[in-house]
């Protein structure tokens, strides 16, 4: 039986710990957007979203 390299083991197991870090950062960003009263998201020339209680 052959031993798998660490890279192949990660691909079989669905990735390494970096996946969980990315999920945590995305979750924190969406939570902050959801809880904020005013804000703006902008990608120039593509999309701009503003919200708030004026």
PDB file of N, CA and C in Angstrom:
ATOM      1  N   UNK A   1       0.834  -1.175   0.000  1.00  0.00           N
ATOM      2  CA  UNK A   1       0.000   0.000   0.000  1.00  0.00           C
ATOM      3  C   UNK A   1       0.883   1.244   0.000  1.00  0.00           C
ATOM      4  N   UNK A   2       0.497   2.245  -0.791  1.00  0.00           N
ATOM      5  CA  UNK A   2       1.302   3.459  -0.909  1.00  0.00           C
ATOM      6  C   UNK A   2       0.860   4.506   0.116  1.00  0.00           C
ATOM      7  N   UNK A   3       1.825   5.269   0.606  1.00  0.00           N
ATOM      8  CA  UNK A   3       1.512   6.371   1.505  1.00  0.00           C
ATOM      9  C   UNK A   3       1.157   7.596   0.675  1.00  0.00           C
ATOM     10  N   UNK A   4       0.186   8.345   1.130  1.00  0.00           N
ATOM     11  CA  UNK A   4      -0.219   9.561   0.433  1.00  0.00           C
ATOM     12  C   UNK A   4       0.586  10.746   0.944  1.00  0.00           C
ATOM     13  N   UNK A   5       0.865  11.667   0.048  1.00  0.00           N
ATOM     14  CA  UNK A   5       1.537  12.888   0.479  1.00  0.00           C
ATOM     15  C   UNK A   5       0.532  13.748   1.249  1.00  0.00           C
ATOM     16  N   UNK A   6       1.047  14.721   1.974  1.00  0.00           N
ATOM     17  CA  UNK A   6       0.181  15.601   2.763  1.00  0.00           C
ATOM     18  C   UNK A   6      -0.796  16.365   1.867  1.00  0.00           C
ATOM     19  N   UNK A   7      -0.336  16.791   0.701  1.00  0.00           N
ATOM     20  CA  UNK A   7      -1.193  17.522  -0.233  1.00  0.00           C
ATOM     21  C   UNK A   7      -2.353  16.652  -0.717  1.00  0.00           C
ATOM     22  N   UNK A   8      -2.079  15.410  -1.038  1.00  0.00           N
ATOM     23  CA  UNK A   8      -3.142  14.503  -1.503  1.00  0.00           C
ATOM     24  C   UNK A   8      -4.107  14.173  -0.366  1.00  0.00           C
ATOM     25  N   UNK A   9      -3.587  14.069   0.860  1.00  0.00           N
ATOM     26  CA  UNK A   9      -4.469  13.810   1.995  1.00  0.00           C
ATOM     27  C   UNK A   9      -5.414  14.977   2.214  1.00  0.00           C
ATOM     28  N   UNK A  10      -4.918  16.216   2.061  1.00  0.00           N
ATOM     29  CA  UNK A  10      -5.766  17.395   2.201  1.00  0.00           C
ATOM     30  C   UNK A  10      -6.855  17.417   1.141  1.00  0.00           C
ATOM     31  N   UNK A  11      -6.504  17.087  -0.088  1.00  0.00           N
ATOM     32  CA  UNK A  11      -7.497  17.108  -1.150  1.00  0.00           C
ATOM     33  C   UNK A  11      -8.567  16.046  -0.911  1.00  0.00           C
ATOM     34  N   UNK A  12      -8.194  14.918  -0.327  1.00  0.00           N
ATOM     35  CA  UNK A  12      -9.174  13.879  -0.009  1.00  0.00           C
ATOM     36  C   UNK A  12     -10.057  14.283   1.162  1.00  0.00           C
ATOM     37  N   UNK A  13      -9.494  15.002   2.115  1.00  0.00           N
ATOM     38  CA  UNK A  13     -10.242  15.404   3.305  1.00  0.00           C
ATOM     39  C   UNK A  13     -10.995  16.717   3.119  1.00  0.00           C
ATOM     40  N   UNK A  14     -10.923  17.338   1.965  1.00  0.00           N
ATOM     41  CA  UNK A  14     -11.675  18.561   1.724  1.00  0.00           C
ATOM     42  C   UNK A  14     -10.927  19.843   2.023  1.00  0.00           C
ATOM     43  N   UNK A  15      -9.641  19.819   2.026  1.00  0.00           N
ATOM     44  CA  UNK A  15      -8.862  21.029   2.239  1.00  0.00           C
ATOM     45  C   UNK A  15      -8.232  21.061   3.608  1.00  0.00           C
ATOM     46  N   UNK A  16      -7.483  22.092   3.844  1.00  0.00           N
ATOM     47  CA  UNK A  16      -6.807  22.243   5.119  1.00  0.00           C
ATOM     48  C   UNK A  16      -7.515  23.244   6.004  1.00  0.00           C
ATOM     49  N   UNK A  17      -6.836  23.720   7.013  1.00  0.00           N
ATOM     50  CA  UNK A  17      -7.441  24.671   7.947  1.00  0.00           C
ATOM     51  C   UNK A  17      -7.725  26.044   7.318  1.00  0.00           C
ATOM     52  N   UNK A  18      -7.127  26.310   6.171  1.00  0.00           N
ATOM     53  CA  UNK A  18      -7.348  27.602   5.518  1.00  0.00           C
ATOM     54  C   UNK A  18      -8.817  27.784   5.147  1.00  0.00           C
ATOM     55  N   UNK A  19      -9.489  26.687   4.813  1.00  0.00           N
ATOM     56  CA  UNK A  19     -10.910  26.745   4.455  1.00  0.00           C
ATOM     57  C   UNK A  19     -11.725  27.325   5.609  1.00  0.00           C
ATOM     58  N   UNK A  20     -11.429  26.911   6.840  1.00  0.00           N
ATOM     59  CA  UNK A  20     -12.181  27.375   7.999  1.00  0.00           C
ATOM     60  C   UNK A  20     -11.887  28.833   8.305  1.00  0.00           C
ATOM     61  N   UNK A  21     -10.679  29.277   8.036  1.00  0.00           N
ATOM     62  CA  UNK A  21     -10.335  30.686   8.227  1.00  0.00           C
ATOM     63  C   UNK A  21     -11.123  31.554   7.253  1.00  0.00           C
ATOM     64  N   UNK A  22     -11.217  31.119   5.996  1.00  0.00           N
ATOM     65  CA  UNK A  22     -11.978  31.866   4.994  1.00  0.00           C
ATOM     66  C   UNK A  22     -13.447  31.912   5.383  1.00  0.00           C
ATOM     67  N   UNK A  23     -14.016  30.790   5.831  1.00  0.00           N
ATOM     68  CA  UNK A  23     -15.415  30.760   6.267  1.00  0.00           C
ATOM     69  C   UNK A  23     -15.638  31.703   7.447  1.00  0.00           C
ATOM     70  N   UNK A  24     -14.721  31.738   8.382  1.00  0.00           N
ATOM     71  CA  UNK A  24     -14.856  32.615   9.543  1.00  0.00           C
ATOM     72  C   UNK A  24     -14.817  34.083   9.127  1.00  0.00           C
ATOM     73  N   UNK A  25     -13.917  34.435   8.217  1.00  0.00           N
ATOM     74  CA  UNK A  25     -13.830  35.823   7.758  1.00  0.00           C
ATOM     75  C   UNK A  25     -15.087  36.238   7.000  1.00  0.00           C
ATOM     76  N   UNK A  26     -15.589  35.371   6.132  1.00  0.00           N
ATOM     77  CA  UNK A  26     -16.819  35.685   5.405  1.00  0.00           C
ATOM     78  C   UNK A  26     -18.006  35.806   6.352  1.00  0.00           C
ATOM     79  N   UNK A  27     -18.087  34.936   7.320  1.00  0.00           N
ATOM     80  CA  UNK A  27     -19.169  35.003   8.298  1.00  0.00           C
ATOM     81  C   UNK A  27     -19.119  36.289   9.108  1.00  0.00           C
ATOM     82  N   UNK A  28     -17.939  36.692   9.534  1.00  0.00           N
ATOM     83  CA  UNK A  28     -17.791  37.934  10.286  1.00  0.00           C
ATOM     84  C   UNK A  28     -18.163  39.142   9.437  1.00  0.00           C
ATOM     85  N   UNK A  29     -17.797  39.128   8.165  1.00  0.00           N
ATOM     86  CA  UNK A  29     -18.134  40.249   7.281  1.00  0.00           C
ATOM     87  C   UNK A  29     -19.644  40.344   7.069  1.00  0.00           C
ATOM     88  N   UNK A  30     -20.303  39.214   6.811  1.00  0.00           N
ATOM     89  CA  UNK A  30     -21.754  39.248   6.620  1.00  0.00           C
ATOM     90  C   UNK A  30     -22.470  39.642   7.908  1.00  0.00           C
ATOM     91  N   UNK A  31     -22.003  39.196   9.061  1.00  0.00           N
ATOM     92  CA  UNK A  31     -22.606  39.577  10.329  1.00  0.00           C
ATOM     93  C   UNK A  31     -22.495  41.081  10.551  1.00  0.00           C
ATOM     94  N   UNK A  32     -21.332  41.628  10.237  1.00  0.00           N
ATOM     95  CA  UNK A  32     -21.132  43.059  10.411  1.00  0.00           C
ATOM     96  C   UNK A  32     -22.042  43.862   9.480  1.00  0.00           C
ATOM     97  N   UNK A  33     -22.187  43.403   8.244  1.00  0.00           N
ATOM     98  CA  UNK A  33     -23.097  44.072   7.314  1.00  0.00           C
ATOM     99  C   UNK A  33     -24.539  43.986   7.799  1.00  0.00           C
ATOM    100  N   UNK A  34     -24.933  42.854   8.312  1.00  0.00           N
ATOM    101  CA  UNK A  34     -26.297  42.632   8.753  1.00  0.00           C
ATOM    102  C   UNK A  34     -26.627  43.495   9.963  1.00  0.00           C
ATOM    103  N   UNK A  35     -25.679  43.677  10.879  1.00  0.00           N
ATOM    104  CA  UNK A  35     -25.919  44.424  12.107  1.00  0.00           C
ATOM    105  C   UNK A  35     -25.706  45.924  11.974  1.00  0.00           C
ATOM    106  N   UNK A  36     -25.109  46.396  10.901  1.00  0.00           N
ATOM    107  CA  UNK A  36     -24.815  47.816  10.776  1.00  0.00           C
ATOM    108  C   UNK A  36     -26.063  48.601  10.385  1.00  0.00           C
ATOM    109  N   UNK A  37     -26.159  49.828  10.890  1.00  0.00           N
ATOM    110  CA  UNK A  37     -27.297  50.679  10.587  1.00  0.00           C
ATOM    111  C   UNK A  37     -27.084  51.478   9.305  1.00  0.00           C
ATOM    112  N   UNK A  38     -25.864  51.825   9.036  1.00  0.00           N
ATOM    113  CA  UNK A  38     -25.536  52.562   7.820  1.00  0.00           C
ATOM    114  C   UNK A  38     -24.301  51.960   7.202  1.00  0.00           C
ATOM    115  N   UNK A  39     -24.221  52.030   5.891  1.00  0.00           N
ATOM    116  CA  UNK A  39     -23.021  51.510   5.257  1.00  0.00           C
ATOM    117  C   UNK A  39     -23.069  51.620   3.754  1.00  0.00           C
ATOM    118  N   UNK A  40     -21.996  51.212   3.150  1.00  0.00           N
ATOM    119  CA  UNK A  40     -21.864  51.245   1.694  1.00  0.00           C
ATOM    120  C   UNK A  40     -20.943  50.124   1.258  1.00  0.00           C
ATOM    121  N   UNK A  41     -21.358  49.444   0.201  1.00  0.00           N
ATOM    122  CA  UNK A  41     -20.511  48.457  -0.459  1.00  0.00           C
ATOM    123  C   UNK A  41     -20.329  48.954  -1.875  1.00  0.00           C
ATOM    124  N   UNK A  42     -19.102  49.023  -2.337  1.00  0.00           N
ATOM    125  CA  UNK A  42     -18.867  49.574  -3.661  1.00  0.00           C
ATOM    126  C   UNK A  42     -17.745  48.845  -4.376  1.00  0.00           C
ATOM    127  N   UNK A  43     -18.043  48.417  -5.592  1.00  0.00           N
ATOM    128  CA  UNK A  43     -17.034  47.954  -6.527  1.00  0.00           C
ATOM    129  C   UNK A  43     -17.152  48.914  -7.704  1.00  0.00           C
ATOM    130  N   UNK A  44     -16.221  49.830  -7.843  1.00  0.00           N
ATOM    131  CA  UNK A  44     -16.354  50.892  -8.844  1.00  0.00           C
ATOM    132  C   UNK A  44     -16.726  50.363 -10.228  1.00  0.00           C
ATOM    133  N   UNK A  45     -17.675  51.025 -10.845  1.00  0.00           N
ATOM    134  CA  UNK A  45     -18.168  50.745 -12.198  1.00  0.00           C
ATOM    135  C   UNK A  45     -18.899  49.418 -12.312  1.00  0.00           C
ATOM    136  N   UNK A  46     -19.121  48.714 -11.184  1.00  0.00           N
ATOM    137  CA  UNK A  46     -19.836  47.443 -11.244  1.00  0.00           C
ATOM    138  C   UNK A  46     -21.096  47.516 -10.390  1.00  0.00           C
ATOM    139  N   UNK A  47     -20.923  47.775  -9.086  1.00  0.00           N
ATOM    140  CA  UNK A  47     -22.063  47.785  -8.179  1.00  0.00           C
ATOM    141  C   UNK A  47     -21.791  48.719  -7.012  1.00  0.00           C
ATOM    142  N   UNK A  48     -22.834  49.399  -6.575  1.00  0.00           N
ATOM    143  CA  UNK A  48     -22.768  50.225  -5.371  1.00  0.00           C
ATOM    144  C   UNK A  48     -24.066  50.026  -4.606  1.00  0.00           C
ATOM    145  N   UNK A  49     -23.963  49.658  -3.344  1.00  0.00           N
ATOM    146  CA  UNK A  49     -25.132  49.453  -2.488  1.00  0.00           C
ATOM    147  C   UNK A  49     -24.937  50.320  -1.260  1.00  0.00           C
ATOM    148  N   UNK A  50     -25.959  51.130  -0.955  1.00  0.00           N
ATOM    149  CA  UNK A  50     -25.938  51.954   0.254  1.00  0.00           C
ATOM    150  C   UNK A  50     -27.191  51.668   1.061  1.00  0.00           C
ATOM    151  N   UNK A  51     -27.079  51.702   2.374  1.00  0.00           N
ATOM    152  CA  UNK A  51     -28.250  51.543   3.222  1.00  0.00           C
ATOM    153  C   UNK A  51     -28.059  52.383   4.463  1.00  0.00           C
ATOM    154  N   UNK A  52     -29.139  52.686   5.126  1.00  0.00           N
ATOM    155  CA  UNK A  52     -29.033  53.436   6.362  1.00  0.00           C
ATOM    156  C   UNK A  52     -30.357  54.039   6.773  1.00  0.00           C
ATOM    157  N   UNK A  53     -30.366  54.571   7.982  1.00  0.00           N
ATOM    158  CA  UNK A  53     -31.521  55.264   8.524  1.00  0.00           C
ATOM    159  C   UNK A  53     -31.230  56.750   8.482  1.00  0.00           C
ATOM    160  N   UNK A  54     -31.680  57.407   7.458  1.00  0.00           N
ATOM    161  CA  UNK A  54     -31.405  58.845   7.322  1.00  0.00           C
ATOM    162  C   UNK A  54     -32.377  59.673   8.102  1.00  0.00           C
TER     163      UNK A  54
END
